[in-house]
Amino acid sequence: MEKVIINGYEFIVEDLKTAKVVFSTAENDFNMNINTLEGEKNIKNIKKWFKIDAVAYLNQIHSDFVHTYDGEIYEGDAIITDKAKTAIGIFTADCVPVIIYDTHLKVAAAIHSGWRGTYNLIVSKAIEKMNSQYGSQSINLKVFIGPHMRDCCYEVGDEVAGKFKESETYKEADIFKGKKLSMEKCILKQLEKNNVPKENIKTLDLCTYCSNLPKLYSYRKGQNSKRLFSFVFIK
């Protein structure tokens, strides 16, 4: 993945043959919170700068709901499309952004995986929907895990920790460092169970809480009204 500067703002981009995966950063205070006038303006900028027809997103509710894009805005946390020149994306400020792309069938998914979505296996559910609706096969999936609060910083309470330790999916997995949870390892476990090849998975290794280059937004650092935007579009 490479750094790309557009109009003074920094993005991290993976340019695939038939699609483009993009993670925004907080450099120059680029804010993608759709509930602000600034965020609304920048959604329009994304459309203009990347020369696409539409930018689609959800009303995120920390769920495991997966939707197929049809022009409407639904409540949920994962969105799938096979429509070209339409960016599908999710907003984060500590939760995990996951982008999945089927390089064979040209189907994309954008997933917001907070601890609830991670516990409820939202990545697996998105893959299952890609398979049931489009026929996607795991061997053809490329997965990109973006900036989030990593296990260097993400401490959870006893109740949340207990849920993960009792989960059939995670109870045998090495996902904790003391009280700190690795949501990335949880997601990797879901990908393993879905037979996604390890060589098809890329992670940015950036923590929203403690990484400084590039700048990133973190809800736990008090940046409550700021959001990153992670998106994918089919060319």
C-alpha atoms as a PDB file:
ATOM      1  CA  MET A   1       0.000   0.000   0.000  1.00  0.00           C
ATOM      2  CA  GLU A   2       1.215   3.502  -0.727  1.00  0.00           C
ATOM      3  CA  LYS A   3       0.712   7.018   0.581  1.00  0.00           C
ATOM      4  CA  VAL A   4      -1.193   9.316  -1.764  1.00  0.00           C
ATOM      5  CA  ILE A   5      -1.610  13.074  -1.267  1.00  0.00           C
ATOM      6  CA  ILE A   6      -4.742  14.665  -2.727  1.00  0.00           C
ATOM      7  CA  ASN A   7      -5.421  18.384  -2.194  1.00  0.00           C
ATOM      8  CA  GLY A   8      -3.050  18.321   0.781  1.00  0.00           C
ATOM      9  CA  TYR A   9      -4.761  15.346   2.442  1.00  0.00           C
ATOM     10  CA  GLU A  10      -3.097  11.975   2.946  1.00  0.00           C
ATOM     11  CA  PHE A  11      -4.640   8.639   2.018  1.00  0.00           C
ATOM     12  CA  ILE A  12      -3.279   5.103   2.169  1.00  0.00           C
ATOM     13  CA  VAL A  13      -4.138   3.336  -1.069  1.00  0.00           C
ATOM     14  CA  GLU A  14      -3.953  -0.152  -2.541  1.00  0.00           C
ATOM     15  CA  ASP A  15      -4.434   0.067  -6.293  1.00  0.00           C
ATOM     16  CA  LEU A  16      -5.636  -3.309  -7.499  1.00  0.00           C
ATOM     17  CA  LYS A  17      -6.136  -4.178 -11.144  1.00  0.00           C
ATOM     18  CA  THR A  18      -9.918  -3.832 -11.035  1.00  0.00           C
ATOM     19  CA  ALA A  19     -10.532  -1.970  -7.759  1.00  0.00           C
ATOM     20  CA  LYS A  20      -9.032   0.587  -5.403  1.00  0.00           C
ATOM     21  CA  VAL A  21      -8.879   0.305  -1.598  1.00  0.00           C
ATOM     22  CA  VAL A  22      -8.498   3.578   0.332  1.00  0.00           C
ATOM     23  CA  PHE A  23      -7.978   4.471   4.012  1.00  0.00           C
ATOM     24  CA  SER A  24      -8.221   8.137   4.961  1.00  0.00           C
ATOM     25  CA  THR A  25      -5.980   9.660   7.643  1.00  0.00           C
ATOM     26  CA  ALA A  26      -6.247  12.633   9.994  1.00  0.00           C
ATOM     27  CA  GLU A  27      -3.431  14.573   8.334  1.00  0.00           C
ATOM     28  CA  ASN A  28      -4.399  18.256   8.011  1.00  0.00           C
ATOM     29  CA  ASP A  29      -7.480  17.454  10.139  1.00  0.00           C
ATOM     30  CA  PHE A  30      -9.305  15.674   7.341  1.00  0.00           C
ATOM     31  CA  ASN A  31     -12.564  14.686   9.039  1.00  0.00           C
ATOM     32  CA  MET A  32     -15.080  12.264   7.526  1.00  0.00           C
ATOM     33  CA  ASN A  33     -17.773  12.351  10.236  1.00  0.00           C
ATOM     34  CA  ILE A  34     -20.932  12.266   8.125  1.00  0.00           C
ATOM     35  CA  ASN A  35     -22.904  13.886  10.965  1.00  0.00           C
ATOM     36  CA  THR A  36     -21.002  17.144  10.464  1.00  0.00           C
ATOM     37  CA  LEU A  37     -21.073  19.692   7.638  1.00  0.00           C
ATOM     38  CA  GLU A  38     -17.344  19.072   7.222  1.00  0.00           C
ATOM     39  CA  GLY A  39     -17.944  15.351   6.783  1.00  0.00           C
ATOM     40  CA  GLU A  40     -20.740  15.916   4.275  1.00  0.00           C
ATOM     41  CA  LYS A  41     -18.432  18.156   2.263  1.00  0.00           C
ATOM     42  CA  ASN A  42     -15.649  15.589   2.314  1.00  0.00           C
ATOM     43  CA  ILE A  43     -17.964  12.796   1.134  1.00  0.00           C
ATOM     44  CA  LYS A  44     -18.552  14.965  -1.929  1.00  0.00           C
ATOM     45  CA  ASN A  45     -14.805  15.532  -2.211  1.00  0.00           C
ATOM     46  CA  ILE A  46     -14.169  11.770  -2.197  1.00  0.00           C
ATOM     47  CA  LYS A  47     -16.578  11.439  -5.106  1.00  0.00           C
ATOM     48  CA  LYS A  48     -14.827  14.213  -7.007  1.00  0.00           C
ATOM     49  CA  TRP A  49     -11.209  13.352  -6.196  1.00  0.00           C
ATOM     50  CA  PHE A  50     -11.536   9.643  -7.004  1.00  0.00           C
ATOM     51  CA  LYS A  51     -13.773  10.219 -10.043  1.00  0.00           C
ATOM     52  CA  ILE A  52     -16.571   7.906  -8.942  1.00  0.00           C
ATOM     53  CA  ASP A  53     -20.350   8.102  -9.352  1.00  0.00           C
ATOM     54  CA  ALA A  54     -21.463   7.625  -5.741  1.00  0.00           C
ATOM     55  CA  VAL A  55     -20.247   7.160  -2.163  1.00  0.00           C
ATOM     56  CA  ALA A  56     -22.321   4.696  -0.117  1.00  0.00           C
ATOM     57  CA  TYR A  57     -22.313   4.131   3.635  1.00  0.00           C
ATOM     58  CA  LEU A  58     -24.509   2.925   6.491  1.00  0.00           C
ATOM     59  CA  ASN A  59     -25.962   4.259   9.699  1.00  0.00           C
ATOM     60  CA  GLN A  60     -23.531   2.284  11.850  1.00  0.00           C
ATOM     61  CA  ILE A  61     -24.952   0.772  15.039  1.00  0.00           C
ATOM     62  CA  HIS A  62     -22.255  -1.702  16.213  1.00  0.00           C
ATOM     63  CA  SER A  63     -24.234  -4.640  14.859  1.00  0.00           C
ATOM     64  CA  ASP A  64     -23.579  -7.712  12.731  1.00  0.00           C
ATOM     65  CA  PHE A  65     -26.022  -6.600   9.995  1.00  0.00           C
ATOM     66  CA  VAL A  66     -24.722  -6.946   6.432  1.00  0.00           C
ATOM     67  CA  HIS A  67     -26.451  -5.096   3.575  1.00  0.00           C
ATOM     68  CA  THR A  68     -26.152  -5.140  -0.185  1.00  0.00           C
ATOM     69  CA  TYR A  69     -25.957  -1.631  -1.624  1.00  0.00           C
ATOM     70  CA  ASP A  70     -29.148  -0.547  -3.403  1.00  0.00           C
ATOM     71  CA  GLY A  71     -28.953   3.226  -3.074  1.00  0.00           C
ATOM     72  CA  GLU A  72     -30.564   3.380   0.371  1.00  0.00           C
ATOM     73  CA  ILE A  73     -28.891   4.049   3.736  1.00  0.00           C
ATOM     74  CA  TYR A  74     -29.611   1.217   6.174  1.00  0.00           C
ATOM     75  CA  GLU A  75     -28.736   0.564   9.805  1.00  0.00           C
ATOM     76  CA  GLY A  76     -25.870  -1.903   9.896  1.00  0.00           C
ATOM     77  CA  ASP A  77     -22.127  -2.305   9.826  1.00  0.00           C
ATOM     78  CA  ALA A  78     -21.153  -4.060   6.590  1.00  0.00           C
ATOM     79  CA  ILE A  79     -22.019  -3.162   3.024  1.00  0.00           C
ATOM     80  CA  ILE A  80     -21.459  -5.169  -0.167  1.00  0.00           C
ATOM     81  CA  THR A  81     -21.630  -4.274  -3.854  1.00  0.00           C
ATOM     82  CA  ASP A  82     -20.665  -5.410  -7.333  1.00  0.00           C
ATOM     83  CA  LYS A  83     -21.533  -2.000  -8.793  1.00  0.00           C
ATOM     84  CA  ALA A  84     -18.653  -0.253 -10.553  1.00  0.00           C
ATOM     85  CA  LYS A  85     -17.598   3.333  -9.730  1.00  0.00           C
ATOM     86  CA  THR A  86     -19.510   3.269  -6.445  1.00  0.00           C
ATOM     87  CA  ALA A  87     -17.409   3.608  -3.303  1.00  0.00           C
ATOM     88  CA  ILE A  88     -18.697   1.682  -0.294  1.00  0.00           C
ATOM     89  CA  GLY A  89     -17.168   2.707   2.998  1.00  0.00           C
ATOM     90  CA  ILE A  90     -17.321   2.786   6.771  1.00  0.00           C
ATOM     91  CA  PHE A  91     -16.436   5.339   9.452  1.00  0.00           C
ATOM     92  CA  THR A  92     -14.091   4.551  12.346  1.00  0.00           C
ATOM     93  CA  ALA A  93     -12.150   6.147  15.182  1.00  0.00           C
ATOM     94  CA  ASP A  94     -10.742   3.063  17.015  1.00  0.00           C
ATOM     95  CA  CYS A  95     -12.906   0.226  15.653  1.00  0.00           C
ATOM     96  CA  VAL A  96     -11.533  -1.985  12.887  1.00  0.00           C
ATOM     97  CA  PRO A  97     -12.146  -1.166   9.226  1.00  0.00           C
ATOM     98  CA  VAL A  98     -12.027  -4.281   7.064  1.00  0.00           C
ATOM     99  CA  ILE A  99     -12.167  -4.191   3.267  1.00  0.00           C
ATOM    100  CA  ILE A 100     -12.726  -7.400   1.278  1.00  0.00           C
ATOM    101  CA  TYR A 101     -12.475  -7.692  -2.491  1.00  0.00           C
ATOM    102  CA  ASP A 102     -13.243 -10.673  -4.700  1.00  0.00           C
ATOM    103  CA  THR A 103     -10.713 -10.277  -7.498  1.00  0.00           C
ATOM    104  CA  HIS A 104     -12.422 -12.931  -9.648  1.00  0.00           C
ATOM    105  CA  LEU A 105     -16.072 -11.828  -9.508  1.00  0.00           C
ATOM    106  CA  LYS A 106     -15.429  -8.127  -8.750  1.00  0.00           C
ATOM    107  CA  VAL A 107     -17.455  -7.942  -5.543  1.00  0.00           C
ATOM    108  CA  ALA A 108     -16.449  -5.686  -2.652  1.00  0.00           C
ATOM    109  CA  ALA A 109     -17.320  -5.393   1.034  1.00  0.00           C
ATOM    110  CA  ALA A 110     -16.617  -2.676   3.602  1.00  0.00           C
ATOM    111  CA  ILE A 111     -16.969  -3.713   7.255  1.00  0.00           C
ATOM    112  CA  HIS A 112     -17.059  -1.774  10.534  1.00  0.00           C
ATOM    113  CA  SER A 113     -15.933  -4.205  13.226  1.00  0.00           C
ATOM    114  CA  GLY A 114     -16.053  -2.825  16.759  1.00  0.00           C
ATOM    115  CA  TRP A 115     -15.875  -5.217  19.688  1.00  0.00           C
ATOM    116  CA  ARG A 116     -19.564  -6.134  19.332  1.00  0.00           C
ATOM    117  CA  GLY A 117     -19.279  -6.754  15.611  1.00  0.00           C
ATOM    118  CA  THR A 118     -16.060  -8.675  16.149  1.00  0.00           C
ATOM    119  CA  TYR A 119     -17.631 -10.809  18.876  1.00  0.00           C
ATOM    120  CA  ASN A 120     -20.646 -11.464  16.631  1.00  0.00           C
ATOM    121  CA  LEU A 121     -18.443 -12.465  13.681  1.00  0.00           C
ATOM    122  CA  ILE A 122     -19.428  -9.704  11.272  1.00  0.00           C
ATOM    123  CA  VAL A 123     -16.475 -10.404   8.961  1.00  0.00           C
ATOM    124  CA  SER A 124     -17.536 -14.048   8.623  1.00  0.00           C
ATOM    125  CA  LYS A 125     -21.114 -12.954   7.972  1.00  0.00           C
ATOM    126  CA  ALA A 126     -19.998 -10.575   5.227  1.00  0.00           C
ATOM    127  CA  ILE A 127     -18.015 -13.365   3.568  1.00  0.00           C
ATOM    128  CA  GLU A 128     -21.006 -15.697   3.844  1.00  0.00           C
ATOM    129  CA  LYS A 129     -23.226 -13.088   2.148  1.00  0.00           C
ATOM    130  CA  MET A 130     -20.664 -12.566  -0.610  1.00  0.00           C
ATOM    131  CA  ASN A 131     -20.742 -16.319  -1.164  1.00  0.00           C
ATOM    132  CA  SER A 132     -24.514 -16.795  -1.000  1.00  0.00           C
ATOM    133  CA  GLN A 133     -25.397 -13.746  -3.086  1.00  0.00           C
ATOM    134  CA  TYR A 134     -22.573 -13.654  -5.629  1.00  0.00           C
ATOM    135  CA  GLY A 135     -20.812 -17.004  -5.397  1.00  0.00           C
ATOM    136  CA  SER A 136     -17.552 -15.615  -4.004  1.00  0.00           C
ATOM    137  CA  GLN A 137     -14.920 -18.194  -3.077  1.00  0.00           C
ATOM    138  CA  SER A 138     -12.458 -17.616  -0.241  1.00  0.00           C
ATOM    139  CA  ILE A 139      -9.405 -18.284  -2.407  1.00  0.00           C
ATOM    140  CA  ASN A 140     -10.275 -15.207  -4.503  1.00  0.00           C
ATOM    141  CA  LEU A 141     -10.731 -12.791  -1.579  1.00  0.00           C
ATOM    142  CA  LYS A 142      -8.215 -10.060  -0.818  1.00  0.00           C
ATOM    143  CA  VAL A 143      -8.589  -8.641   2.708  1.00  0.00           C
ATOM    144  CA  PHE A 144      -7.281  -5.321   4.042  1.00  0.00           C
ATOM    145  CA  ILE A 145      -7.333  -4.499   7.773  1.00  0.00           C
ATOM    146  CA  GLY A 146      -7.015  -0.771   8.394  1.00  0.00           C
ATOM    147  CA  PRO A 147      -6.003   1.463  11.314  1.00  0.00           C
ATOM    148  CA  HIS A 148      -7.665   0.663  14.625  1.00  0.00           C
ATOM    149  CA  MET A 149      -6.871   0.531  18.333  1.00  0.00           C
ATOM    150  CA  ARG A 150      -4.521  -2.414  18.508  1.00  0.00           C
ATOM    151  CA  ASP A 151      -3.620  -4.702  21.403  1.00  0.00           C
ATOM    152  CA  CYS A 152      -0.875  -2.298  22.473  1.00  0.00           C
ATOM    153  CA  CYS A 153      -3.619   0.031  23.724  1.00  0.00           C
ATOM    154  CA  TYR A 154      -7.077  -1.586  23.576  1.00  0.00           C
ATOM    155  CA  GLU A 155      -7.923  -2.509  27.170  1.00  0.00           C
ATOM    156  CA  VAL A 156     -11.365  -3.993  27.800  1.00  0.00           C
ATOM    157  CA  GLY A 157     -13.350  -4.645  30.956  1.00  0.00           C
ATOM    158  CA  ASP A 158     -13.955  -8.016  32.576  1.00  0.00           C
ATOM    159  CA  GLU A 159     -17.437  -8.394  31.069  1.00  0.00           C
ATOM    160  CA  VAL A 160     -16.229  -7.913  27.484  1.00  0.00           C
ATOM    161  CA  ALA A 161     -13.150 -10.064  28.085  1.00  0.00           C
ATOM    162  CA  GLY A 162     -15.369 -12.821  29.469  1.00  0.00           C
ATOM    163  CA  LYS A 163     -17.550 -12.824  26.358  1.00  0.00           C
ATOM    164  CA  PHE A 164     -14.551 -13.385  24.105  1.00  0.00           C
ATOM    165  CA  LYS A 165     -12.990 -16.007  26.363  1.00  0.00           C
ATOM    166  CA  GLU A 166     -16.243 -17.997  26.329  1.00  0.00           C
ATOM    167  CA  SER A 167     -16.792 -17.652  22.562  1.00  0.00           C
ATOM    168  CA  GLU A 168     -16.623 -20.890  20.584  1.00  0.00           C
ATOM    169  CA  THR A 169     -14.647 -19.053  17.911  1.00  0.00           C
ATOM    170  CA  TYR A 170     -12.145 -17.288  20.144  1.00  0.00           C
ATOM    171  CA  LYS A 171     -11.824 -19.291  23.375  1.00  0.00           C
ATOM    172  CA  GLU A 172      -8.763 -21.230  22.151  1.00  0.00           C
ATOM    173  CA  ALA A 173      -7.201 -18.240  20.347  1.00  0.00           C
ATOM    174  CA  ASP A 174      -4.337 -16.132  21.676  1.00  0.00           C
ATOM    175  CA  ILE A 175      -6.175 -12.805  21.521  1.00  0.00           C
ATOM    176  CA  PHE A 176      -5.276 -11.163  24.855  1.00  0.00           C
ATOM    177  CA  LYS A 177      -2.231  -9.420  26.332  1.00  0.00           C
ATOM    178  CA  GLY A 178      -3.376  -9.087  29.925  1.00  0.00           C
ATOM    179  CA  LYS A 179      -6.551  -7.008  29.687  1.00  0.00           C
ATOM    180  CA  LYS A 180      -5.735  -5.809  26.191  1.00  0.00           C
ATOM    181  CA  LEU A 181      -7.678  -7.368  23.336  1.00  0.00           C
ATOM    182  CA  SER A 182      -6.423  -7.875  19.782  1.00  0.00           C
ATOM    183  CA  MET A 183      -9.433  -7.384  17.561  1.00  0.00           C
ATOM    184  CA  GLU A 184      -7.146  -7.982  14.609  1.00  0.00           C
ATOM    185  CA  LYS A 185      -6.322 -11.498  15.832  1.00  0.00           C
ATOM    186  CA  CYS A 186     -10.039 -12.106  16.246  1.00  0.00           C
ATOM    187  CA  ILE A 187     -10.642 -11.046  12.660  1.00  0.00           C
ATOM    188  CA  LEU A 188      -7.746 -13.180  11.461  1.00  0.00           C
ATOM    189  CA  LYS A 189      -9.385 -16.115  13.267  1.00  0.00           C
ATOM    190  CA  GLN A 190     -12.611 -15.490  11.355  1.00  0.00           C
ATOM    191  CA  LEU A 191     -10.679 -15.333   8.089  1.00  0.00           C
ATOM    192  CA  GLU A 192      -8.915 -18.590   8.959  1.00  0.00           C
ATOM    193  CA  LYS A 193     -12.248 -20.305   9.640  1.00  0.00           C
ATOM    194  CA  ASN A 194     -13.453 -19.067   6.244  1.00  0.00           C
ATOM    195  CA  ASN A 195     -10.341 -20.479   4.525  1.00  0.00           C
ATOM    196  CA  VAL A 196      -9.020 -17.126   3.300  1.00  0.00           C
ATOM    197  CA  PRO A 197      -5.328 -17.680   2.399  1.00  0.00           C
ATOM    198  CA  LYS A 198      -2.893 -15.869   4.710  1.00  0.00           C
ATOM    199  CA  GLU A 199      -1.065 -14.423   1.730  1.00  0.00           C
ATOM    200  CA  ASN A 200      -4.310 -12.690   0.687  1.00  0.00           C
ATOM    201  CA  ILE A 201      -4.485 -10.647   3.904  1.00  0.00           C
ATOM    202  CA  LYS A 202      -2.823  -7.263   4.430  1.00  0.00           C
ATOM    203  CA  THR A 203      -2.832  -5.200   7.612  1.00  0.00           C
ATOM    204  CA  LEU A 204      -1.649  -1.623   7.986  1.00  0.00           C
ATOM    205  CA  ASP A 205      -0.235  -2.274  11.494  1.00  0.00           C
ATOM    206  CA  LEU A 206      -1.363   1.197  12.587  1.00  0.00           C
ATOM    207  CA  CYS A 207      -2.864   1.929  16.008  1.00  0.00           C
ATOM    208  CA  THR A 208      -5.317   4.810  16.126  1.00  0.00           C
ATOM    209  CA  TYR A 209      -4.382   5.511  19.750  1.00  0.00           C
ATOM    210  CA  CYS A 210      -0.580   5.530  19.691  1.00  0.00           C
ATOM    211  CA  SER A 211       0.592   5.736  16.069  1.00  0.00           C
ATOM    212  CA  ASN A 212       1.707   9.211  15.011  1.00  0.00           C
ATOM    213  CA  LEU A 213       2.690   8.755  11.366  1.00  0.00           C
ATOM    214  CA  PRO A 214       0.291   9.276   9.784  1.00  0.00           C
ATOM    215  CA  LYS A 215      -2.017  11.094  12.158  1.00  0.00           C
ATOM    216  CA  LEU A 216      -5.190   9.151  12.979  1.00  0.00           C
ATOM    217  CA  TYR A 217      -8.357   9.813  14.980  1.00  0.00           C
ATOM    218  CA  SER A 218      -9.105   8.001  18.232  1.00  0.00           C
ATOM    219  CA  TYR A 219     -12.404   8.130  20.105  1.00  0.00           C
ATOM    220  CA  ARG A 220     -10.669   7.097  23.319  1.00  0.00           C
ATOM    221  CA  LYS A 221      -8.327  10.068  23.008  1.00  0.00           C
ATOM    222  CA  GLY A 222     -11.334  12.380  23.107  1.00  0.00           C
ATOM    223  CA  GLN A 223     -11.684  12.982  19.357  1.00  0.00           C
ATOM    224  CA  ASN A 224     -15.382  12.178  19.593  1.00  0.00           C
ATOM    225  CA  SER A 225     -16.525  14.150  16.553  1.00  0.00           C
ATOM    226  CA  LYS A 226     -13.739  13.029  14.210  1.00  0.00           C
ATOM    227  CA  ARG A 227     -13.848  10.012  11.913  1.00  0.00           C
ATOM    228  CA  LEU A 228     -11.676   8.174   9.437  1.00  0.00           C
ATOM    229  CA  PHE A 229     -13.266   6.731   6.293  1.00  0.00           C
ATOM    230  CA  SER A 230     -12.202   3.428   4.754  1.00  0.00           C
ATOM    231  CA  PHE A 231     -13.627   2.566   1.369  1.00  0.00           C
ATOM    232  CA  VAL A 232     -13.321   0.475  -1.777  1.00  0.00           C
ATOM    233  CA  PHE A 233     -14.599   0.975  -5.281  1.00  0.00           C
ATOM    234  CA  ILE A 234     -14.635  -1.196  -8.365  1.00  0.00           C
ATOM    235  CA  LYS A 235     -13.135   0.562 -11.375  1.00  0.00           C
END
